[in-house]
Amino acid sequence: MPLMQGKYTILTVTLAIVSSPDIAKTIDAYLEEHLGLTHHELDPEEFYDISIFVDCMAIYCDSFPDPTKAVIELGKRIYPTNKWTGALPAHLKTPLDFIVFEAEGFKNAFSPDVVQRKILETTERSVTMYAPSPGYVKEMMIGVWLGILEMIDINSGQVEEIAIDTWRISW
């Protein structure tokens, strides 16, 4: 089973607290039922079954009029969270550096169920990669890639699925 760090579930609950404290309470009740912990007790660096994050994300995003947009917006916060927690190496500078780093992160997945990403082509302003979802909706990946670009002040990024599980990220 794929695993995901607790910091992303904590991020989801933190966003829920701002938008809807009742949704945050619902997520905490879910966490207590499934892990015996609230978001305050999750270890941000510990790995949990990805289904925990996926279910919390669904509770949060389904509370919005446009859940798909909410998933993308949540995804955009993943890499800024990584930056804030010191999880990004200092040598990452260009969009290509960050996107390759994100793809290579799947080589360290703690599960044989996670299909590795494969960069198919790079140009000066785009990356094409084979990137099946490791267990969450594809819109999360779109948000992650757009969030990487926005984090480095590129607001013109685009993500397009050009074939099944094959993506072009351009800037």
N, C-alpha and C. Protein backbone atom coordinates (compact mmCIF):
# COMPACT_ATOMS: atom_id res chain seq x y z
N MET A 1 0.84 -1.18 0.00
CA MET A 1 0.00 0.00 0.00
C MET A 1 0.88 1.24 0.00
N PRO A 2 0.56 2.25 -0.82
CA PRO A 2 1.32 3.49 -0.82
C PRO A 2 1.19 4.23 0.51
N LEU A 3 2.21 4.97 0.84
CA LEU A 3 2.24 5.73 2.09
C LEU A 3 2.43 7.21 1.79
N MET A 4 2.00 8.05 2.72
CA MET A 4 2.14 9.50 2.56
C MET A 4 2.41 10.10 3.93
N GLN A 5 3.26 11.12 3.96
CA GLN A 5 3.63 11.73 5.24
C GLN A 5 2.46 12.45 5.89
N GLY A 6 2.48 12.46 7.21
CA GLY A 6 1.42 13.08 7.99
C GLY A 6 1.28 14.57 7.75
N LYS A 7 2.35 15.24 7.33
CA LYS A 7 2.27 16.70 7.14
C LYS A 7 1.22 17.10 6.12
N TYR A 8 0.91 16.21 5.17
CA TYR A 8 -0.08 16.56 4.16
C TYR A 8 -1.50 16.43 4.70
N THR A 9 -1.71 15.50 5.59
CA THR A 9 -3.02 15.42 6.26
C THR A 9 -3.17 16.60 7.21
N ILE A 10 -2.10 16.95 7.91
CA ILE A 10 -2.13 18.13 8.79
C ILE A 10 -2.44 19.38 7.98
N LEU A 11 -1.82 19.51 6.80
CA LEU A 11 -2.10 20.64 5.91
C LEU A 11 -3.58 20.69 5.57
N THR A 12 -4.16 19.55 5.23
CA THR A 12 -5.57 19.49 4.87
C THR A 12 -6.46 19.95 6.01
N VAL A 13 -6.17 19.49 7.22
CA VAL A 13 -6.98 19.89 8.37
C VAL A 13 -6.79 21.38 8.66
N THR A 14 -5.58 21.88 8.52
CA THR A 14 -5.30 23.29 8.75
C THR A 14 -6.10 24.16 7.78
N LEU A 15 -6.15 23.77 6.52
CA LEU A 15 -6.96 24.51 5.55
C LEU A 15 -8.45 24.41 5.90
N ALA A 16 -8.87 23.26 6.40
CA ALA A 16 -10.27 23.09 6.79
C ALA A 16 -10.63 23.99 7.97
N ILE A 17 -9.72 24.14 8.91
CA ILE A 17 -9.97 25.01 10.07
C ILE A 17 -10.28 26.42 9.61
N VAL A 18 -9.54 26.89 8.61
CA VAL A 18 -9.73 28.24 8.08
C VAL A 18 -11.05 28.36 7.33
N SER A 19 -11.37 27.37 6.51
CA SER A 19 -12.58 27.47 5.67
C SER A 19 -13.85 27.00 6.37
N SER A 20 -13.72 25.99 7.23
CA SER A 20 -14.91 25.43 7.87
C SER A 20 -14.49 24.61 9.09
N PRO A 21 -14.54 25.20 10.26
CA PRO A 21 -14.16 24.45 11.47
C PRO A 21 -14.95 23.15 11.65
N ASP A 22 -16.19 23.11 11.19
CA ASP A 22 -16.98 21.87 11.31
C ASP A 22 -16.38 20.75 10.46
N ILE A 23 -15.87 21.09 9.28
CA ILE A 23 -15.23 20.09 8.43
C ILE A 23 -13.95 19.61 9.10
N ALA A 24 -13.21 20.53 9.72
CA ALA A 24 -11.99 20.13 10.45
C ALA A 24 -12.33 19.15 11.56
N LYS A 25 -13.43 19.39 12.26
CA LYS A 25 -13.86 18.46 13.32
C LYS A 25 -14.23 17.10 12.74
N THR A 26 -14.85 17.10 11.57
CA THR A 26 -15.21 15.84 10.91
C THR A 26 -13.95 15.06 10.54
N ILE A 27 -12.95 15.77 10.02
CA ILE A 27 -11.69 15.11 9.67
C ILE A 27 -11.01 14.57 10.92
N ASP A 28 -10.98 15.36 11.98
CA ASP A 28 -10.37 14.87 13.22
C ASP A 28 -11.09 13.64 13.76
N ALA A 29 -12.42 13.62 13.66
CA ALA A 29 -13.18 12.44 14.11
C ALA A 29 -12.79 11.22 13.27
N TYR A 30 -12.63 11.43 11.97
CA TYR A 30 -12.19 10.35 11.08
C TYR A 30 -10.80 9.86 11.51
N LEU A 31 -9.88 10.79 11.75
CA LEU A 31 -8.52 10.41 12.17
C LEU A 31 -8.53 9.63 13.48
N GLU A 32 -9.34 10.09 14.43
CA GLU A 32 -9.43 9.38 15.71
C GLU A 32 -9.98 7.97 15.53
N GLU A 33 -10.96 7.84 14.66
CA GLU A 33 -11.55 6.53 14.42
C GLU A 33 -10.56 5.57 13.75
N HIS A 34 -9.77 6.08 12.81
CA HIS A 34 -8.89 5.20 12.04
C HIS A 34 -7.46 5.09 12.56
N LEU A 35 -7.00 6.12 13.27
CA LEU A 35 -5.62 6.10 13.78
C LEU A 35 -5.52 6.24 15.29
N GLY A 36 -6.62 6.66 15.91
CA GLY A 36 -6.56 6.92 17.34
C GLY A 36 -5.85 8.23 17.66
N LEU A 37 -5.73 9.11 16.65
CA LEU A 37 -5.02 10.38 16.80
C LEU A 37 -5.82 11.50 16.16
N THR A 38 -5.65 12.72 16.67
CA THR A 38 -6.17 13.90 15.97
C THR A 38 -5.03 14.47 15.12
N HIS A 39 -5.34 15.49 14.35
CA HIS A 39 -4.28 16.09 13.52
C HIS A 39 -3.18 16.71 14.38
N HIS A 40 -3.52 17.10 15.61
CA HIS A 40 -2.51 17.65 16.52
C HIS A 40 -1.49 16.58 16.93
N GLU A 41 -1.91 15.32 16.88
CA GLU A 41 -1.05 14.22 17.35
C GLU A 41 -0.33 13.48 16.22
N LEU A 42 -0.70 13.78 14.98
CA LEU A 42 -0.01 13.14 13.86
C LEU A 42 1.45 13.59 13.84
N ASP A 43 2.33 12.68 13.48
CA ASP A 43 3.73 13.03 13.29
C ASP A 43 3.87 13.52 11.85
N PRO A 44 4.28 14.77 11.63
CA PRO A 44 4.35 15.30 10.27
C PRO A 44 5.27 14.51 9.35
N GLU A 45 6.32 13.92 9.90
CA GLU A 45 7.29 13.21 9.07
C GLU A 45 7.03 11.70 9.01
N GLU A 46 6.11 11.21 9.81
CA GLU A 46 5.76 9.78 9.80
C GLU A 46 4.95 9.47 8.55
N PHE A 47 5.09 8.24 8.06
CA PHE A 47 4.33 7.81 6.89
C PHE A 47 3.11 7.01 7.33
N TYR A 48 1.97 7.37 6.72
CA TYR A 48 0.69 6.72 7.00
C TYR A 48 0.14 6.18 5.68
N ASP A 49 -0.73 5.19 5.77
CA ASP A 49 -1.40 4.66 4.58
C ASP A 49 -2.02 5.83 3.81
N ILE A 50 -1.79 5.86 2.52
CA ILE A 50 -2.27 6.97 1.69
C ILE A 50 -3.79 7.13 1.76
N SER A 51 -4.50 6.06 2.09
CA SER A 51 -5.97 6.15 2.17
C SER A 51 -6.40 7.15 3.25
N ILE A 52 -5.59 7.33 4.28
CA ILE A 52 -5.91 8.31 5.33
C ILE A 52 -5.94 9.71 4.71
N PHE A 53 -4.88 10.05 3.98
CA PHE A 53 -4.83 11.36 3.32
C PHE A 53 -5.97 11.49 2.30
N VAL A 54 -6.17 10.47 1.49
CA VAL A 54 -7.19 10.53 0.44
C VAL A 54 -8.57 10.76 1.05
N ASP A 55 -8.88 10.06 2.13
CA ASP A 55 -10.19 10.23 2.76
C ASP A 55 -10.33 11.61 3.39
N CYS A 56 -9.28 12.09 4.03
CA CYS A 56 -9.33 13.44 4.62
C CYS A 56 -9.46 14.50 3.54
N MET A 57 -8.73 14.31 2.44
CA MET A 57 -8.82 15.23 1.31
C MET A 57 -10.25 15.25 0.77
N ALA A 58 -10.87 14.08 0.65
CA ALA A 58 -12.23 14.00 0.13
C ALA A 58 -13.21 14.72 1.06
N ILE A 59 -13.07 14.52 2.36
CA ILE A 59 -13.95 15.21 3.32
C ILE A 59 -13.82 16.71 3.15
N TYR A 60 -12.57 17.18 3.07
CA TYR A 60 -12.31 18.62 2.93
C TYR A 60 -12.84 19.15 1.60
N CYS A 61 -12.43 18.54 0.50
CA CYS A 61 -12.76 19.07 -0.83
C CYS A 61 -14.23 18.94 -1.17
N ASP A 62 -14.88 17.89 -0.69
CA ASP A 62 -16.30 17.71 -0.97
C ASP A 62 -17.17 18.77 -0.29
N SER A 63 -16.57 19.54 0.63
CA SER A 63 -17.34 20.59 1.31
C SER A 63 -17.39 21.87 0.48
N PHE A 64 -16.72 21.90 -0.67
CA PHE A 64 -16.69 23.07 -1.53
C PHE A 64 -17.67 22.93 -2.68
N PRO A 65 -18.15 24.05 -3.20
CA PRO A 65 -19.06 23.97 -4.35
C PRO A 65 -18.41 23.28 -5.56
N ASP A 66 -17.08 23.46 -5.71
CA ASP A 66 -16.35 22.83 -6.81
C ASP A 66 -15.22 21.99 -6.21
N PRO A 67 -15.50 20.73 -5.85
CA PRO A 67 -14.49 19.88 -5.22
C PRO A 67 -13.22 19.70 -6.06
N THR A 68 -13.37 19.66 -7.39
CA THR A 68 -12.19 19.49 -8.25
C THR A 68 -11.24 20.67 -8.09
N LYS A 69 -11.78 21.87 -8.09
CA LYS A 69 -10.95 23.07 -7.90
C LYS A 69 -10.30 23.04 -6.52
N ALA A 70 -11.03 22.58 -5.52
CA ALA A 70 -10.48 22.50 -4.16
C ALA A 70 -9.31 21.52 -4.09
N VAL A 71 -9.39 20.40 -4.82
CA VAL A 71 -8.30 19.43 -4.85
C VAL A 71 -7.07 20.07 -5.48
N ILE A 72 -7.26 20.78 -6.60
CA ILE A 72 -6.13 21.43 -7.26
C ILE A 72 -5.50 22.46 -6.32
N GLU A 73 -6.32 23.24 -5.65
CA GLU A 73 -5.80 24.25 -4.72
C GLU A 73 -5.04 23.60 -3.56
N LEU A 74 -5.54 22.49 -3.05
CA LEU A 74 -4.83 21.75 -2.00
C LEU A 74 -3.50 21.25 -2.54
N GLY A 75 -3.50 20.69 -3.76
CA GLY A 75 -2.27 20.22 -4.37
C GLY A 75 -1.23 21.32 -4.51
N LYS A 76 -1.69 22.53 -4.80
CA LYS A 76 -0.76 23.66 -4.96
C LYS A 76 -0.01 23.97 -3.66
N ARG A 77 -0.51 23.51 -2.55
CA ARG A 77 0.13 23.81 -1.26
C ARG A 77 1.12 22.75 -0.81
N ILE A 78 1.22 21.64 -1.55
CA ILE A 78 2.10 20.54 -1.14
C ILE A 78 3.57 20.97 -1.15
N TYR A 79 4.05 21.52 -2.25
CA TYR A 79 5.47 21.89 -2.30
C TYR A 79 5.81 23.10 -1.45
N PRO A 80 4.96 24.11 -1.34
CA PRO A 80 5.25 25.14 -0.34
C PRO A 80 5.35 24.57 1.08
N THR A 81 4.54 23.54 1.38
CA THR A 81 4.65 22.86 2.68
C THR A 81 6.01 22.17 2.79
N ASN A 82 6.43 21.50 1.71
CA ASN A 82 7.75 20.86 1.72
C ASN A 82 8.85 21.90 1.94
N LYS A 83 8.72 23.04 1.30
CA LYS A 83 9.71 24.11 1.47
C LYS A 83 9.73 24.59 2.92
N TRP A 84 8.55 24.81 3.47
CA TRP A 84 8.42 25.30 4.84
C TRP A 84 9.01 24.31 5.85
N THR A 85 8.89 23.01 5.57
CA THR A 85 9.40 22.00 6.51
C THR A 85 10.85 21.61 6.21
N GLY A 86 11.50 22.33 5.28
CA GLY A 86 12.90 22.08 5.00
C GLY A 86 13.17 20.82 4.19
N ALA A 87 12.18 20.35 3.45
CA ALA A 87 12.33 19.09 2.72
C ALA A 87 12.83 19.27 1.28
N LEU A 88 13.17 20.50 0.91
CA LEU A 88 13.64 20.74 -0.45
C LEU A 88 15.12 21.11 -0.44
N PRO A 89 15.92 20.43 -1.25
CA PRO A 89 17.34 20.76 -1.31
C PRO A 89 17.58 22.16 -1.88
N ALA A 90 18.61 22.80 -1.42
CA ALA A 90 18.92 24.17 -1.84
C ALA A 90 19.31 24.26 -3.31
N HIS A 91 19.79 23.17 -3.90
CA HIS A 91 20.25 23.24 -5.29
C HIS A 91 19.12 23.33 -6.31
N LEU A 92 17.88 23.16 -5.88
CA LEU A 92 16.75 23.25 -6.81
C LEU A 92 16.51 24.72 -7.14
N LYS A 93 16.59 25.05 -8.41
CA LYS A 93 16.42 26.45 -8.83
C LYS A 93 15.41 26.62 -9.96
N THR A 94 15.49 25.77 -10.97
CA THR A 94 14.67 25.94 -12.18
C THR A 94 13.40 25.10 -12.09
N PRO A 95 12.42 25.43 -12.93
CA PRO A 95 11.22 24.58 -12.97
C PRO A 95 11.58 23.12 -13.25
N LEU A 96 12.51 22.90 -14.18
CA LEU A 96 12.91 21.54 -14.50
C LEU A 96 13.52 20.85 -13.28
N ASP A 97 14.37 21.55 -12.53
CA ASP A 97 14.97 20.97 -11.31
C ASP A 97 13.88 20.47 -10.37
N PHE A 98 12.88 21.31 -10.12
CA PHE A 98 11.82 20.95 -9.17
C PHE A 98 10.96 19.81 -9.68
N ILE A 99 10.62 19.83 -10.96
CA ILE A 99 9.74 18.79 -11.49
C ILE A 99 10.47 17.45 -11.53
N VAL A 100 11.74 17.46 -11.90
CA VAL A 100 12.53 16.22 -11.86
C VAL A 100 12.64 15.72 -10.43
N PHE A 101 12.87 16.62 -9.47
CA PHE A 101 12.94 16.23 -8.06
C PHE A 101 11.64 15.58 -7.61
N GLU A 102 10.51 16.19 -7.99
CA GLU A 102 9.20 15.62 -7.63
C GLU A 102 9.06 14.22 -8.21
N ALA A 103 9.43 14.04 -9.46
CA ALA A 103 9.31 12.73 -10.11
C ALA A 103 10.21 11.71 -9.44
N GLU A 104 11.44 12.11 -9.13
CA GLU A 104 12.39 11.19 -8.50
C GLU A 104 11.98 10.80 -7.09
N GLY A 105 11.15 11.64 -6.46
CA GLY A 105 10.66 11.32 -5.12
C GLY A 105 9.88 10.02 -5.07
N PHE A 106 9.32 9.63 -6.20
CA PHE A 106 8.55 8.39 -6.24
C PHE A 106 9.45 7.16 -6.26
N LYS A 107 10.74 7.35 -6.54
CA LYS A 107 11.69 6.24 -6.45
C LYS A 107 11.89 5.81 -5.01
N ASN A 108 11.61 6.73 -4.08
CA ASN A 108 11.78 6.44 -2.66
C ASN A 108 10.48 6.00 -1.99
N ALA A 109 9.47 5.73 -2.79
CA ALA A 109 8.18 5.31 -2.22
C ALA A 109 8.37 4.01 -1.45
N PHE A 110 7.67 3.93 -0.36
CA PHE A 110 7.79 2.77 0.51
C PHE A 110 6.82 1.67 0.15
N SER A 111 6.50 1.56 -1.12
CA SER A 111 5.53 0.57 -1.53
C SER A 111 5.81 0.11 -2.95
N PRO A 112 5.75 -1.19 -3.16
CA PRO A 112 5.90 -1.68 -4.54
C PRO A 112 4.67 -1.35 -5.40
N ASP A 113 3.59 -0.89 -4.76
CA ASP A 113 2.37 -0.55 -5.48
C ASP A 113 2.49 0.78 -6.24
N VAL A 114 3.50 1.58 -5.90
CA VAL A 114 3.66 2.88 -6.53
C VAL A 114 4.46 2.72 -7.82
N VAL A 115 3.83 3.07 -8.93
CA VAL A 115 4.50 3.00 -10.23
C VAL A 115 5.41 4.23 -10.35
N GLN A 116 6.65 3.97 -10.71
CA GLN A 116 7.62 5.06 -10.82
C GLN A 116 7.27 5.99 -11.98
N ARG A 117 7.57 7.25 -11.80
CA ARG A 117 7.38 8.22 -12.86
C ARG A 117 8.55 8.12 -13.83
N LYS A 118 8.26 8.41 -15.08
CA LYS A 118 9.30 8.34 -16.09
C LYS A 118 9.25 9.60 -16.94
N ILE A 119 10.34 10.35 -16.93
CA ILE A 119 10.41 11.54 -17.75
C ILE A 119 10.69 11.10 -19.18
N LEU A 120 9.79 11.51 -20.07
CA LEU A 120 9.86 11.09 -21.47
C LEU A 120 10.58 12.12 -22.34
N GLU A 121 10.40 13.39 -22.00
CA GLU A 121 11.00 14.45 -22.80
C GLU A 121 11.08 15.73 -21.97
N THR A 122 12.16 16.46 -22.18
CA THR A 122 12.28 17.78 -21.56
C THR A 122 12.66 18.78 -22.65
N THR A 123 12.13 19.97 -22.52
CA THR A 123 12.54 21.09 -23.37
C THR A 123 12.85 22.24 -22.42
N GLU A 124 13.18 23.37 -22.98
CA GLU A 124 13.51 24.53 -22.15
C GLU A 124 12.33 24.98 -21.30
N ARG A 125 11.11 24.72 -21.79
CA ARG A 125 9.93 25.22 -21.09
C ARG A 125 8.86 24.17 -20.85
N SER A 126 9.26 22.88 -20.89
CA SER A 126 8.25 21.84 -20.62
C SER A 126 8.89 20.52 -20.25
N VAL A 127 8.07 19.69 -19.61
CA VAL A 127 8.44 18.32 -19.27
C VAL A 127 7.26 17.45 -19.66
N THR A 128 7.55 16.33 -20.31
CA THR A 128 6.53 15.33 -20.57
C THR A 128 6.92 14.11 -19.77
N MET A 129 5.97 13.59 -18.98
CA MET A 129 6.29 12.42 -18.16
C MET A 129 5.12 11.48 -18.04
N TYR A 130 5.49 10.22 -17.88
CA TYR A 130 4.52 9.19 -17.54
C TYR A 130 4.42 9.20 -16.03
N ALA A 131 3.21 9.47 -15.51
CA ALA A 131 3.05 9.65 -14.07
C ALA A 131 1.67 9.18 -13.62
N PRO A 132 1.51 7.86 -13.40
CA PRO A 132 0.23 7.40 -12.86
C PRO A 132 0.06 7.88 -11.42
N SER A 133 -1.15 8.11 -11.05
CA SER A 133 -1.43 8.55 -9.67
C SER A 133 -1.11 7.43 -8.69
N PRO A 134 -0.47 7.78 -7.57
CA PRO A 134 -0.14 6.75 -6.58
C PRO A 134 -1.31 6.39 -5.66
N GLY A 135 -2.49 6.94 -5.90
CA GLY A 135 -3.62 6.58 -5.06
C GLY A 135 -4.57 7.72 -4.79
N TYR A 136 -4.26 8.89 -5.28
CA TYR A 136 -5.18 10.01 -5.14
C TYR A 136 -5.63 10.47 -6.52
N VAL A 137 -6.61 11.37 -6.55
CA VAL A 137 -7.17 11.81 -7.82
C VAL A 137 -6.12 12.59 -8.62
N LYS A 138 -6.25 12.53 -9.93
CA LYS A 138 -5.28 13.18 -10.82
C LYS A 138 -5.20 14.68 -10.60
N GLU A 139 -6.29 15.29 -10.19
CA GLU A 139 -6.29 16.74 -9.95
C GLU A 139 -5.29 17.13 -8.86
N MET A 140 -5.01 16.21 -7.95
CA MET A 140 -3.99 16.51 -6.93
C MET A 140 -2.64 16.68 -7.60
N MET A 141 -2.30 15.83 -8.55
CA MET A 141 -1.02 15.94 -9.25
C MET A 141 -0.96 17.25 -10.04
N ILE A 142 -2.06 17.60 -10.69
CA ILE A 142 -2.11 18.87 -11.42
C ILE A 142 -1.79 20.02 -10.47
N GLY A 143 -2.43 20.01 -9.31
CA GLY A 143 -2.18 21.05 -8.32
C GLY A 143 -0.74 21.07 -7.83
N VAL A 144 -0.17 19.89 -7.60
CA VAL A 144 1.23 19.82 -7.14
C VAL A 144 2.15 20.48 -8.17
N TRP A 145 2.00 20.11 -9.43
CA TRP A 145 2.87 20.68 -10.46
C TRP A 145 2.66 22.18 -10.63
N LEU A 146 1.40 22.63 -10.62
CA LEU A 146 1.14 24.07 -10.70
C LEU A 146 1.69 24.79 -9.47
N GLY A 147 1.57 24.15 -8.31
CA GLY A 147 2.08 24.74 -7.08
C GLY A 147 3.59 24.87 -7.08
N ILE A 148 4.28 23.90 -7.67
CA ILE A 148 5.74 23.99 -7.80
C ILE A 148 6.08 25.22 -8.61
N LEU A 149 5.42 25.38 -9.75
CA LEU A 149 5.71 26.52 -10.61
C LEU A 149 5.38 27.84 -9.93
N GLU A 150 4.24 27.91 -9.27
CA GLU A 150 3.86 29.15 -8.58
C GLU A 150 4.82 29.46 -7.44
N MET A 151 5.32 28.43 -6.78
CA MET A 151 6.25 28.62 -5.66
C MET A 151 7.53 29.33 -6.13
N ILE A 152 7.88 29.13 -7.40
CA ILE A 152 9.08 29.79 -7.93
C ILE A 152 8.69 30.93 -8.88
N ASP A 153 7.52 31.50 -8.61
CA ASP A 153 7.04 32.71 -9.28
C ASP A 153 6.75 32.55 -10.77
N ILE A 154 6.32 31.37 -11.16
CA ILE A 154 5.85 31.15 -12.52
C ILE A 154 4.35 30.91 -12.44
N ASN A 155 3.59 31.92 -12.86
CA ASN A 155 2.14 31.84 -12.75
C ASN A 155 1.47 31.49 -14.07
N SER A 156 2.26 31.17 -15.08
CA SER A 156 1.71 30.85 -16.39
C SER A 156 1.77 29.34 -16.67
N GLY A 157 1.98 28.54 -15.64
CA GLY A 157 2.11 27.10 -15.83
C GLY A 157 0.83 26.45 -16.34
N GLN A 158 1.02 25.39 -17.10
CA GLN A 158 -0.11 24.62 -17.60
C GLN A 158 0.23 23.14 -17.46
N VAL A 159 -0.79 22.35 -17.15
CA VAL A 159 -0.65 20.90 -17.05
C VAL A 159 -1.73 20.28 -17.91
N GLU A 160 -1.29 19.38 -18.77
CA GLU A 160 -2.23 18.76 -19.71
C GLU A 160 -1.97 17.25 -19.75
N GLU A 161 -3.03 16.48 -19.61
CA GLU A 161 -2.90 15.03 -19.78
C GLU A 161 -3.00 14.76 -21.27
N ILE A 162 -1.89 14.32 -21.88
CA ILE A 162 -1.84 14.15 -23.33
C ILE A 162 -2.12 12.71 -23.76
N ALA A 163 -2.05 11.79 -22.83
CA ALA A 163 -2.42 10.39 -23.03
C ALA A 163 -2.69 9.83 -21.64
N ILE A 164 -3.19 8.63 -21.55
CA ILE A 164 -3.48 8.05 -20.23
C ILE A 164 -2.20 8.05 -19.39
N ASP A 165 -2.27 8.73 -18.25
CA ASP A 165 -1.17 8.83 -17.29
C ASP A 165 0.09 9.48 -17.86
N THR A 166 -0.04 10.20 -18.95
CA THR A 166 1.09 10.91 -19.55
C THR A 166 0.75 12.40 -19.57
N TRP A 167 1.66 13.19 -19.00
CA TRP A 167 1.39 14.60 -18.73
C TRP A 167 2.44 15.50 -19.36
N ARG A 168 2.00 16.66 -19.81
CA ARG A 168 2.91 17.71 -20.24
C ARG A 168 2.73 18.88 -19.27
N ILE A 169 3.83 19.24 -18.65
CA ILE A 169 3.86 20.38 -17.73
C ILE A 169 4.67 21.45 -18.45
N SER A 170 4.07 22.61 -18.66
CA SER A 170 4.77 23.66 -19.39
C SER A 170 4.68 24.98 -18.64
N TRP A 171 5.63 25.85 -18.96
CA TRP A 171 5.70 27.15 -18.29
C TRP A 171 6.25 28.20 -19.25
